[in-house]
N, C-alpha and C. Protein backbone atom coordinates (compact mmCIF):
# COMPACT_ATOMS: atom_id res chain seq x y z
N MET A 1 136.66 76.19 92.07
CA MET A 1 136.76 77.50 91.46
C MET A 1 138.09 77.58 90.73
N THR A 2 138.05 78.13 89.55
CA THR A 2 139.27 78.25 88.75
C THR A 2 140.17 79.33 89.35
N PRO A 3 141.46 79.26 89.06
CA PRO A 3 142.37 80.30 89.57
C PRO A 3 142.00 81.71 89.11
N GLU A 4 141.46 81.83 87.90
CA GLU A 4 141.06 83.16 87.41
C GLU A 4 139.88 83.70 88.22
N LYS A 5 138.90 82.83 88.48
CA LYS A 5 137.74 83.25 89.28
C LYS A 5 138.16 83.56 90.71
N ARG A 6 139.08 82.78 91.24
CA ARG A 6 139.56 83.01 92.61
C ARG A 6 140.26 84.37 92.69
N ALA A 7 141.06 84.69 91.69
CA ALA A 7 141.75 85.98 91.67
C ALA A 7 140.75 87.13 91.53
N GLU A 8 139.72 86.93 90.71
CA GLU A 8 138.69 87.96 90.54
C GLU A 8 137.90 88.16 91.84
N TYR A 9 137.58 87.08 92.51
CA TYR A 9 136.87 87.13 93.78
C TYR A 9 137.71 87.87 94.84
N TRP A 10 138.98 87.52 94.91
CA TRP A 10 139.87 88.16 95.89
C TRP A 10 140.04 89.64 95.58
N GLY A 11 140.14 89.98 94.30
CA GLY A 11 140.26 91.38 93.92
C GLY A 11 139.02 92.18 94.30
N ALA A 12 137.84 91.60 94.08
CA ALA A 12 136.60 92.28 94.46
C ALA A 12 136.53 92.45 95.97
N ASN A 13 136.98 91.46 96.71
CA ASN A 13 137.00 91.55 98.17
C ASN A 13 137.94 92.67 98.62
N LEU A 14 139.10 92.75 98.04
CA LEU A 14 140.06 93.79 98.42
C LEU A 14 139.56 95.19 98.06
N ARG A 15 138.89 95.32 96.91
CA ARG A 15 138.31 96.62 96.54
C ARG A 15 137.27 97.05 97.56
N LEU A 16 136.40 96.12 97.95
CA LEU A 16 135.38 96.43 98.95
C LEU A 16 136.02 96.85 100.26
N LEU A 17 137.02 96.10 100.71
CA LEU A 17 137.71 96.46 101.95
C LEU A 17 138.36 97.83 101.87
N ALA A 18 138.99 98.13 100.74
CA ALA A 18 139.65 99.43 100.58
C ALA A 18 138.64 100.57 100.65
N ILE A 19 137.51 100.41 99.98
CA ILE A 19 136.48 101.45 100.00
C ILE A 19 135.95 101.67 101.41
N LEU A 20 135.65 100.59 102.12
CA LEU A 20 135.11 100.73 103.47
C LEU A 20 136.13 101.30 104.44
N LEU A 21 137.40 100.94 104.29
CA LEU A 21 138.43 101.50 105.16
C LEU A 21 138.66 102.98 104.89
N ILE A 22 138.56 103.37 103.63
CA ILE A 22 138.70 104.80 103.29
C ILE A 22 137.56 105.60 103.91
N ILE A 23 136.33 105.05 103.84
CA ILE A 23 135.19 105.73 104.46
C ILE A 23 135.40 105.84 105.97
N TRP A 24 135.83 104.75 106.59
CA TRP A 24 136.05 104.79 108.04
C TRP A 24 137.14 105.80 108.41
N PHE A 25 138.22 105.82 107.64
CA PHE A 25 139.30 106.78 107.90
C PHE A 25 138.80 108.21 107.73
N ALA A 26 138.04 108.46 106.66
CA ALA A 26 137.55 109.81 106.41
C ALA A 26 136.64 110.29 107.54
N VAL A 27 135.81 109.40 108.04
CA VAL A 27 134.89 109.80 109.11
C VAL A 27 135.64 109.95 110.44
N SER A 28 136.46 108.97 110.80
CA SER A 28 137.10 109.03 112.11
C SER A 28 138.21 110.07 112.17
N PHE A 29 139.06 110.11 111.17
CA PHE A 29 140.17 111.07 111.20
C PHE A 29 139.74 112.42 110.64
N GLY A 30 139.03 112.39 109.53
CA GLY A 30 138.63 113.65 108.88
C GLY A 30 137.63 114.43 109.71
N ALA A 31 136.48 113.81 110.03
CA ALA A 31 135.45 114.52 110.77
C ALA A 31 135.80 114.67 112.24
N GLY A 32 136.54 113.71 112.80
CA GLY A 32 136.85 113.76 114.22
C GLY A 32 138.06 114.60 114.58
N ILE A 33 138.98 114.81 113.62
CA ILE A 33 140.21 115.54 113.93
C ILE A 33 140.43 116.73 113.00
N LEU A 34 140.47 116.47 111.70
CA LEU A 34 140.81 117.53 110.75
C LEU A 34 139.73 118.60 110.60
N LEU A 35 138.49 118.19 110.55
CA LEU A 35 137.39 119.13 110.32
C LEU A 35 136.60 119.45 111.58
N VAL A 36 137.21 119.26 112.73
CA VAL A 36 136.50 119.45 113.99
C VAL A 36 136.05 120.90 114.18
N GLU A 37 136.85 121.85 113.84
CA GLU A 37 136.49 123.26 114.05
C GLU A 37 135.31 123.68 113.18
N PRO A 38 135.33 123.42 111.86
CA PRO A 38 134.15 123.79 111.07
C PRO A 38 132.89 123.04 111.49
N LEU A 39 133.04 121.77 111.88
CA LEU A 39 131.87 120.99 112.29
C LEU A 39 131.31 121.45 113.62
N ASN A 40 132.14 122.04 114.46
CA ASN A 40 131.67 122.50 115.76
C ASN A 40 130.72 123.69 115.65
N ALA A 41 130.60 124.27 114.47
CA ALA A 41 129.62 125.33 114.26
C ALA A 41 128.20 124.79 114.34
N PHE A 42 128.05 123.49 114.16
CA PHE A 42 126.74 122.84 114.24
C PHE A 42 126.71 122.00 115.52
N SER A 43 125.49 121.68 115.95
CA SER A 43 125.40 120.84 117.14
C SER A 43 124.44 119.68 116.88
N LEU A 44 124.68 118.61 117.61
CA LEU A 44 123.84 117.41 117.52
C LEU A 44 123.60 116.93 118.94
N GLY A 45 122.35 116.98 119.37
CA GLY A 45 122.02 116.57 120.74
C GLY A 45 122.60 117.50 121.79
N GLY A 46 122.83 118.74 121.44
CA GLY A 46 123.38 119.70 122.39
C GLY A 46 124.90 119.71 122.45
N TYR A 47 125.55 118.88 121.65
CA TYR A 47 127.02 118.83 121.64
C TYR A 47 127.53 119.31 120.29
N PRO A 48 128.71 119.92 120.27
CA PRO A 48 129.28 120.32 118.98
C PRO A 48 129.47 119.09 118.08
N LEU A 49 129.16 119.25 116.79
CA LEU A 49 129.18 118.12 115.87
C LEU A 49 130.57 117.50 115.73
N GLY A 50 131.63 118.30 115.73
CA GLY A 50 132.98 117.76 115.67
C GLY A 50 133.29 116.88 116.87
N PHE A 51 132.89 117.33 118.05
CA PHE A 51 133.08 116.53 119.26
C PHE A 51 132.28 115.24 119.18
N TRP A 52 131.04 115.33 118.69
CA TRP A 52 130.18 114.15 118.58
C TRP A 52 130.80 113.11 117.65
N PHE A 53 131.33 113.55 116.50
CA PHE A 53 131.98 112.61 115.59
C PHE A 53 133.20 111.97 116.24
N ALA A 54 133.97 112.75 116.96
CA ALA A 54 135.17 112.20 117.60
C ALA A 54 134.81 111.19 118.68
N GLN A 55 133.72 111.41 119.40
CA GLN A 55 133.37 110.54 120.52
C GLN A 55 132.44 109.39 120.15
N GLN A 56 131.45 109.65 119.30
CA GLN A 56 130.45 108.63 119.03
C GLN A 56 130.24 108.36 117.55
N GLY A 57 130.30 109.37 116.74
CA GLY A 57 129.95 109.23 115.32
C GLY A 57 130.80 108.23 114.58
N SER A 58 132.10 108.23 114.84
CA SER A 58 132.97 107.29 114.14
C SER A 58 132.69 105.85 114.56
N ILE A 59 132.27 105.64 115.78
CA ILE A 59 131.92 104.30 116.24
C ILE A 59 130.64 103.83 115.55
N TYR A 60 129.65 104.72 115.44
CA TYR A 60 128.41 104.35 114.74
C TYR A 60 128.68 104.02 113.28
N VAL A 61 129.53 104.81 112.65
CA VAL A 61 129.88 104.55 111.24
C VAL A 61 130.60 103.22 111.13
N PHE A 62 131.50 102.92 112.06
CA PHE A 62 132.23 101.65 112.04
C PHE A 62 131.27 100.46 112.14
N VAL A 63 130.31 100.54 113.04
CA VAL A 63 129.34 99.45 113.20
C VAL A 63 128.49 99.32 111.93
N ALA A 64 128.08 100.44 111.35
CA ALA A 64 127.32 100.39 110.09
C ALA A 64 128.14 99.77 108.98
N LEU A 65 129.44 100.08 108.92
CA LEU A 65 130.31 99.51 107.90
C LEU A 65 130.47 98.00 108.06
N ILE A 66 130.40 97.51 109.28
CA ILE A 66 130.45 96.06 109.51
C ILE A 66 129.25 95.39 108.85
N PHE A 67 128.07 95.96 109.06
CA PHE A 67 126.87 95.39 108.44
C PHE A 67 126.89 95.52 106.92
N ILE A 68 127.39 96.64 106.42
CA ILE A 68 127.52 96.82 104.97
C ILE A 68 128.49 95.80 104.40
N TYR A 69 129.60 95.56 105.09
CA TYR A 69 130.57 94.57 104.63
C TYR A 69 129.96 93.18 104.60
N ALA A 70 129.22 92.81 105.64
CA ALA A 70 128.61 91.48 105.68
C ALA A 70 127.60 91.30 104.55
N ALA A 71 126.77 92.30 104.31
CA ALA A 71 125.78 92.21 103.23
C ALA A 71 126.46 92.17 101.87
N SER A 72 127.48 93.00 101.69
CA SER A 72 128.20 93.03 100.41
C SER A 72 128.94 91.72 100.15
N MET A 73 129.51 91.13 101.19
CA MET A 73 130.20 89.85 101.01
C MET A 73 129.23 88.73 100.70
N ASN A 74 128.03 88.78 101.27
CA ASN A 74 127.02 87.77 100.93
C ASN A 74 126.66 87.86 99.46
N LYS A 75 126.50 89.08 98.95
CA LYS A 75 126.21 89.26 97.52
C LYS A 75 127.39 88.79 96.67
N LEU A 76 128.59 89.11 97.10
CA LEU A 76 129.78 88.70 96.35
C LEU A 76 129.93 87.18 96.36
N ASP A 77 129.66 86.55 97.49
CA ASP A 77 129.72 85.10 97.58
C ASP A 77 128.70 84.44 96.64
N GLN A 78 127.50 85.01 96.58
CA GLN A 78 126.49 84.47 95.67
C GLN A 78 126.89 84.66 94.22
N LYS A 79 127.48 85.81 93.92
CA LYS A 79 127.90 86.08 92.55
C LYS A 79 128.94 85.06 92.08
N PHE A 80 129.86 84.69 92.96
CA PHE A 80 130.92 83.74 92.61
C PHE A 80 130.59 82.32 93.03
N ASP A 81 129.38 82.12 93.51
CA ASP A 81 128.89 80.80 93.89
C ASP A 81 129.76 80.14 94.96
N VAL A 82 130.12 80.92 95.97
CA VAL A 82 130.87 80.37 97.09
C VAL A 82 130.14 80.63 98.41
N GLY A 83 128.86 80.98 98.32
CA GLY A 83 128.08 81.30 99.51
C GLY A 83 127.74 80.08 100.33
N GLU A 84 127.38 80.34 101.57
CA GLU A 84 126.96 79.28 102.46
C GLU A 84 125.53 78.90 102.12
N GLU A 85 125.21 77.66 102.34
CA GLU A 85 123.86 77.21 101.99
C GLU A 85 123.05 76.94 103.22
């Protein structure tokens, strides 16, 4: 791989990581801490929604982001022809 392609690949990887980390931060910190009071007006499974996000929701989002990252990296690897065969 040429140095230009390597830099482009690394930049795409960092952009993906930044987007996923921002989503994780927004869900875990935003929904679990900052917006807990407005979210508690709703309930999920009998628990206030803000409490649910703080206890379980952010973990579910984190696990989903792991799968999204793996799928996105597979596509990125194929695009730059560095995928596993």
